[in-house]
């Protein structure tokens, strides 16, 4: 059984600045700035292609990156991003 599906706000609502391996994200809907490390920016970019559950997202990202942990690790990252308000359940 598939897990929850997640979406992110459209890219134009989040400004990104790269900072020596980290990324500063200004999320305009919340007015908050988040400092995140990979794979968070890549997850948000992958969600721009549509809602996905952890397994789907891991498959999308594995096309471009070498991933460890697959869907289980991705589910943990999605929960962290959800807690930060950067993604939500679809």
C-alpha atoms as a PDB file:
ATOM      1  CA  UNK A   1       0.000   0.000   0.000  1.00  0.00           C
ATOM      2  CA  UNK A   2       1.313   3.412  -0.969  1.00  0.00           C
ATOM      3  CA  UNK A   3       2.014   6.030   1.676  1.00  0.00           C
ATOM      4  CA  UNK A   4       0.797   9.617   1.717  1.00  0.00           C
ATOM      5  CA  UNK A   5       1.351  11.785  -1.321  1.00  0.00           C
ATOM      6  CA  UNK A   6       3.074  15.122  -0.884  1.00  0.00           C
ATOM      7  CA  UNK A   7       3.088  18.407  -2.770  1.00  0.00           C
ATOM      8  CA  UNK A   8       5.068  21.616  -2.431  1.00  0.00           C
ATOM      9  CA  UNK A   9       4.116  25.188  -3.174  1.00  0.00           C
ATOM     10  CA  UNK A  10       4.943  26.383  -6.698  1.00  0.00           C
ATOM     11  CA  UNK A  11       8.592  27.315  -7.140  1.00  0.00           C
ATOM     12  CA  UNK A  12       7.851  31.009  -7.588  1.00  0.00           C
ATOM     13  CA  UNK A  13       6.681  31.139  -3.945  1.00  0.00           C
ATOM     14  CA  UNK A  14      10.086  30.046  -2.634  1.00  0.00           C
ATOM     15  CA  UNK A  15      13.309  31.945  -3.259  1.00  0.00           C
ATOM     16  CA  UNK A  16      16.549  29.937  -3.126  1.00  0.00           C
ATOM     17  CA  UNK A  17      20.110  31.038  -2.434  1.00  0.00           C
ATOM     18  CA  UNK A  18      22.991  28.545  -2.433  1.00  0.00           C
ATOM     19  CA  UNK A  19      25.368  28.891   0.552  1.00  0.00           C
ATOM     20  CA  UNK A  20      28.454  26.648   0.493  1.00  0.00           C
ATOM     21  CA  UNK A  21      26.606  23.341   0.200  1.00  0.00           C
ATOM     22  CA  UNK A  22      23.488  24.527   2.019  1.00  0.00           C
ATOM     23  CA  UNK A  23      20.458  26.314   0.615  1.00  0.00           C
ATOM     24  CA  UNK A  24      18.577  29.225   2.140  1.00  0.00           C
ATOM     25  CA  UNK A  25      14.892  29.036   1.233  1.00  0.00           C
ATOM     26  CA  UNK A  26      12.600  32.002   1.772  1.00  0.00           C
ATOM     27  CA  UNK A  27       9.069  30.567   1.821  1.00  0.00           C
ATOM     28  CA  UNK A  28       6.866  33.569   1.053  1.00  0.00           C
ATOM     29  CA  UNK A  29       3.526  32.000   2.144  1.00  0.00           C
ATOM     30  CA  UNK A  30       4.849  31.560   5.698  1.00  0.00           C
ATOM     31  CA  UNK A  31       7.345  34.427   5.678  1.00  0.00           C
ATOM     32  CA  UNK A  32       9.984  32.044   7.031  1.00  0.00           C
ATOM     33  CA  UNK A  33      13.525  31.405   5.893  1.00  0.00           C
ATOM     34  CA  UNK A  34      14.847  27.851   6.167  1.00  0.00           C
ATOM     35  CA  UNK A  35      18.448  26.685   5.856  1.00  0.00           C
ATOM     36  CA  UNK A  36      18.409  23.181   4.373  1.00  0.00           C
ATOM     37  CA  UNK A  37      20.949  20.621   3.239  1.00  0.00           C
ATOM     38  CA  UNK A  38      20.703  18.120   0.422  1.00  0.00           C
ATOM     39  CA  UNK A  39      18.489  16.334  -0.416  1.00  0.00           C
ATOM     40  CA  UNK A  40      15.839  18.871   0.696  1.00  0.00           C
ATOM     41  CA  UNK A  41      16.229  21.281  -2.264  1.00  0.00           C
ATOM     42  CA  UNK A  42      16.286  18.366  -4.680  1.00  0.00           C
ATOM     43  CA  UNK A  43      13.104  16.927  -3.131  1.00  0.00           C
ATOM     44  CA  UNK A  44      11.339  20.255  -3.531  1.00  0.00           C
ATOM     45  CA  UNK A  45      12.512  20.476  -7.158  1.00  0.00           C
ATOM     46  CA  UNK A  46      11.256  16.932  -7.831  1.00  0.00           C
ATOM     47  CA  UNK A  47       7.847  17.787  -6.360  1.00  0.00           C
ATOM     48  CA  UNK A  48       7.531  20.536  -8.970  1.00  0.00           C
ATOM     49  CA  UNK A  49       6.658  17.704 -11.394  1.00  0.00           C
ATOM     50  CA  UNK A  50       3.593  16.785  -9.333  1.00  0.00           C
ATOM     51  CA  UNK A  51       2.477  15.102  -6.142  1.00  0.00           C
ATOM     52  CA  UNK A  52       4.320  11.949  -5.148  1.00  0.00           C
ATOM     53  CA  UNK A  53       4.622   9.443  -2.346  1.00  0.00           C
ATOM     54  CA  UNK A  54       8.021   8.531  -0.910  1.00  0.00           C
ATOM     55  CA  UNK A  55       8.631   5.659  -3.342  1.00  0.00           C
ATOM     56  CA  UNK A  56       7.687   7.744  -6.397  1.00  0.00           C
ATOM     57  CA  UNK A  57       9.893  10.580  -5.220  1.00  0.00           C
ATOM     58  CA  UNK A  58      12.826   8.253  -4.578  1.00  0.00           C
ATOM     59  CA  UNK A  59      12.424   6.905  -8.125  1.00  0.00           C
ATOM     60  CA  UNK A  60      12.379  10.443  -9.576  1.00  0.00           C
ATOM     61  CA  UNK A  61      15.500  11.433  -7.684  1.00  0.00           C
ATOM     62  CA  UNK A  62      17.357   8.184  -8.386  1.00  0.00           C
ATOM     63  CA  UNK A  63      17.309   9.124 -12.075  1.00  0.00           C
ATOM     64  CA  UNK A  64      19.674  12.031 -11.247  1.00  0.00           C
ATOM     65  CA  UNK A  65      21.348  11.054  -7.964  1.00  0.00           C
ATOM     66  CA  UNK A  66      22.665   8.019  -6.152  1.00  0.00           C
ATOM     67  CA  UNK A  67      20.284   7.489  -3.231  1.00  0.00           C
ATOM     68  CA  UNK A  68      20.675   5.484  -0.054  1.00  0.00           C
ATOM     69  CA  UNK A  69      17.686   4.052   1.766  1.00  0.00           C
ATOM     70  CA  UNK A  70      15.099   4.375  -1.013  1.00  0.00           C
ATOM     71  CA  UNK A  71      11.491   5.091  -0.125  1.00  0.00           C
ATOM     72  CA  UNK A  72      11.947   4.537   3.605  1.00  0.00           C
ATOM     73  CA  UNK A  73      14.649   7.211   3.877  1.00  0.00           C
ATOM     74  CA  UNK A  74      12.638   9.493   1.585  1.00  0.00           C
ATOM     75  CA  UNK A  75       9.593   9.163   3.853  1.00  0.00           C
ATOM     76  CA  UNK A  76      11.681  10.427   6.775  1.00  0.00           C
ATOM     77  CA  UNK A  77      12.895  13.437   4.758  1.00  0.00           C
ATOM     78  CA  UNK A  78       9.323  14.219   3.676  1.00  0.00           C
ATOM     79  CA  UNK A  79       8.152  14.157   7.284  1.00  0.00           C
ATOM     80  CA  UNK A  80      10.908  16.645   8.167  1.00  0.00           C
ATOM     81  CA  UNK A  81       9.924  18.943   5.300  1.00  0.00           C
ATOM     82  CA  UNK A  82       6.269  18.651   6.301  1.00  0.00           C
ATOM     83  CA  UNK A  83       7.117  19.646   9.882  1.00  0.00           C
ATOM     84  CA  UNK A  84       8.983  22.682   8.510  1.00  0.00           C
ATOM     85  CA  UNK A  85       5.954  23.644   6.394  1.00  0.00           C
ATOM     86  CA  UNK A  86       7.751  23.227   3.058  1.00  0.00           C
ATOM     87  CA  UNK A  87       5.597  20.319   1.820  1.00  0.00           C
ATOM     88  CA  UNK A  88       2.109  19.138   2.658  1.00  0.00           C
ATOM     89  CA  UNK A  89       0.019  16.053   2.058  1.00  0.00           C
ATOM     90  CA  UNK A  90      -1.930  16.100  -1.169  1.00  0.00           C
END
